[in-house]
Amino acid sequence: MFLEGKIKTYNEERGFGFIEIAGESKDLFFHIKDFPNKNVPPKVGERLKFLKVQDAGKFKADNIVRLDLKTETPRHTPQSRALENKPRITQRKQSQEALLHKYVSI
């Protein structure tokens, strides 16, 4: 079952920190290698969702999900590609209509 908590401390030099979990007296260890998106460092106060697992007799956070980190949307989604192509179709259609109008008016 996933739990939620906030980063209480993070040691960037050593790559680990502790998560404060509401209703629990002990903080939970996490390591940067178990963190998604390592390009953006963890921040104190950041909300997380995670599994509490036992590793070598000690508990730690695993399958961490960053709740406060906004994900980047891809530059080209199918919808944006369709919108990019739409003017070409419109231009083609307009030129066909202009050509048709030219023949009809002659």
Protein backbone atom coordinates (compact mmCIF):
# COMPACT_ATOMS: atom_id res chain seq x y z
CA MET A 1 0.00 0.00 0.00
CA PHE A 2 1.31 3.44 -0.94
CA LEU A 3 1.97 5.92 1.84
CA GLU A 4 2.31 9.69 1.63
CA GLY A 5 4.81 11.92 3.36
CA LYS A 6 7.05 14.98 3.06
CA ILE A 7 10.81 15.20 2.77
CA LYS A 8 12.09 16.22 6.20
CA THR A 9 15.81 16.27 5.40
CA TYR A 10 18.00 15.70 2.37
CA ASN A 11 21.80 15.50 2.21
CA GLU A 12 22.64 16.28 -1.41
CA GLU A 13 26.34 15.50 -0.89
CA ARG A 14 25.62 11.96 0.29
CA GLY A 15 22.43 11.39 -1.74
CA PHE A 16 20.01 10.39 1.00
CA GLY A 17 17.33 11.85 3.22
CA PHE A 18 14.37 11.13 5.44
CA ILE A 19 10.63 11.34 4.87
CA GLU A 20 8.21 12.43 7.57
CA ILE A 21 5.05 10.30 7.55
CA ALA A 22 1.92 11.64 9.27
CA GLY A 23 0.88 9.41 12.16
CA GLU A 24 4.25 7.62 12.41
CA SER A 25 6.89 8.44 15.00
CA LYS A 26 9.90 7.33 12.92
CA ASP A 27 11.03 9.03 9.73
CA LEU A 28 11.65 6.83 6.69
CA PHE A 29 15.00 6.66 4.87
CA PHE A 30 15.28 7.23 1.12
CA HIS A 31 18.25 7.19 -1.25
CA ILE A 32 18.59 9.22 -4.44
CA LYS A 33 19.00 6.01 -6.49
CA ASP A 34 15.38 5.14 -5.60
CA PHE A 35 14.18 8.60 -6.63
CA PRO A 36 12.51 9.27 -10.00
CA ASN A 37 13.79 12.17 -12.12
CA LYS A 38 17.22 12.55 -10.59
CA ASN A 39 17.79 15.70 -12.70
CA VAL A 40 15.66 17.69 -10.24
CA PRO A 41 17.05 17.28 -6.71
CA PRO A 42 14.67 16.45 -3.83
CA LYS A 43 13.54 19.47 -1.81
CA VAL A 44 12.71 19.65 1.89
CA GLY A 45 8.92 19.84 2.23
CA GLU A 46 8.26 18.11 -1.11
CA ARG A 47 5.30 15.71 -0.96
CA LEU A 48 5.89 12.08 -1.98
CA LYS A 49 3.95 8.87 -2.45
CA PHE A 50 5.94 5.66 -1.90
CA LEU A 51 6.05 2.07 -0.71
CA LYS A 52 7.63 1.25 2.64
CA VAL A 53 9.89 -1.78 2.07
CA GLN A 54 12.38 -3.69 4.17
CA ASP A 55 15.95 -3.88 2.87
CA ALA A 56 18.73 -5.62 4.83
CA GLY A 57 16.63 -5.46 8.01
CA LYS A 58 15.85 -1.72 7.71
CA PHE A 59 12.87 0.10 6.27
CA LYS A 60 13.20 2.50 3.35
CA ALA A 61 11.07 4.23 0.71
CA ASP A 62 10.79 2.60 -2.71
CA ASN A 63 8.73 3.24 -5.88
CA ILE A 64 8.75 6.94 -5.00
CA VAL A 65 6.32 9.25 -6.81
CA ARG A 66 6.92 13.00 -6.62
CA LEU A 67 3.57 14.69 -6.03
CA ASP A 68 4.77 18.31 -6.20
CA LEU A 69 6.93 17.98 -9.31
CA LYS A 70 5.19 19.12 -12.48
CA THR A 71 5.89 16.91 -15.45
CA GLU A 72 6.93 18.41 -18.74
CA THR A 73 4.51 17.89 -21.56
CA PRO A 74 6.00 16.56 -24.79
CA ARG A 75 6.70 19.20 -27.41
CA HIS A 76 4.79 17.38 -30.14
CA THR A 77 1.61 15.63 -29.18
CA PRO A 78 -0.62 14.08 -31.83
CA GLN A 79 -3.08 16.93 -31.30
CA SER A 80 -0.43 19.62 -31.84
CA ARG A 81 0.79 17.85 -34.99
CA ALA A 82 -2.75 17.82 -36.32
CA LEU A 83 -3.02 21.55 -35.64
CA GLU A 84 0.33 22.16 -37.37
CA ASN A 85 -0.84 20.30 -40.47
CA LYS A 86 -4.25 21.98 -40.56
CA PRO A 87 -3.07 25.26 -42.18
CA ARG A 88 -1.47 23.30 -45.04
CA ILE A 89 -4.74 21.53 -45.74
CA THR A 90 -6.59 24.83 -45.51
CA GLN A 91 -4.10 26.49 -47.87
CA ARG A 92 -4.45 23.63 -50.35
CA LYS A 93 -8.21 23.80 -50.13
CA GLN A 94 -8.19 27.59 -50.57
CA SER A 95 -6.00 27.35 -53.67
CA GLN A 96 -8.29 24.66 -55.12
CA GLU A 97 -11.31 26.87 -54.43
CA ALA A 98 -9.56 29.86 -56.01
CA LEU A 99 -8.73 27.78 -59.09
CA LEU A 100 -12.31 26.55 -59.30
CA HIS A 101 -13.59 30.12 -58.91
CA LYS A 102 -11.25 31.21 -61.72
CA TYR A 103 -12.67 28.58 -64.11
CA VAL A 104 -16.26 29.29 -63.11
CA SER A 105 -15.91 33.05 -63.67
CA ILE A 106 -14.38 32.67 -67.17
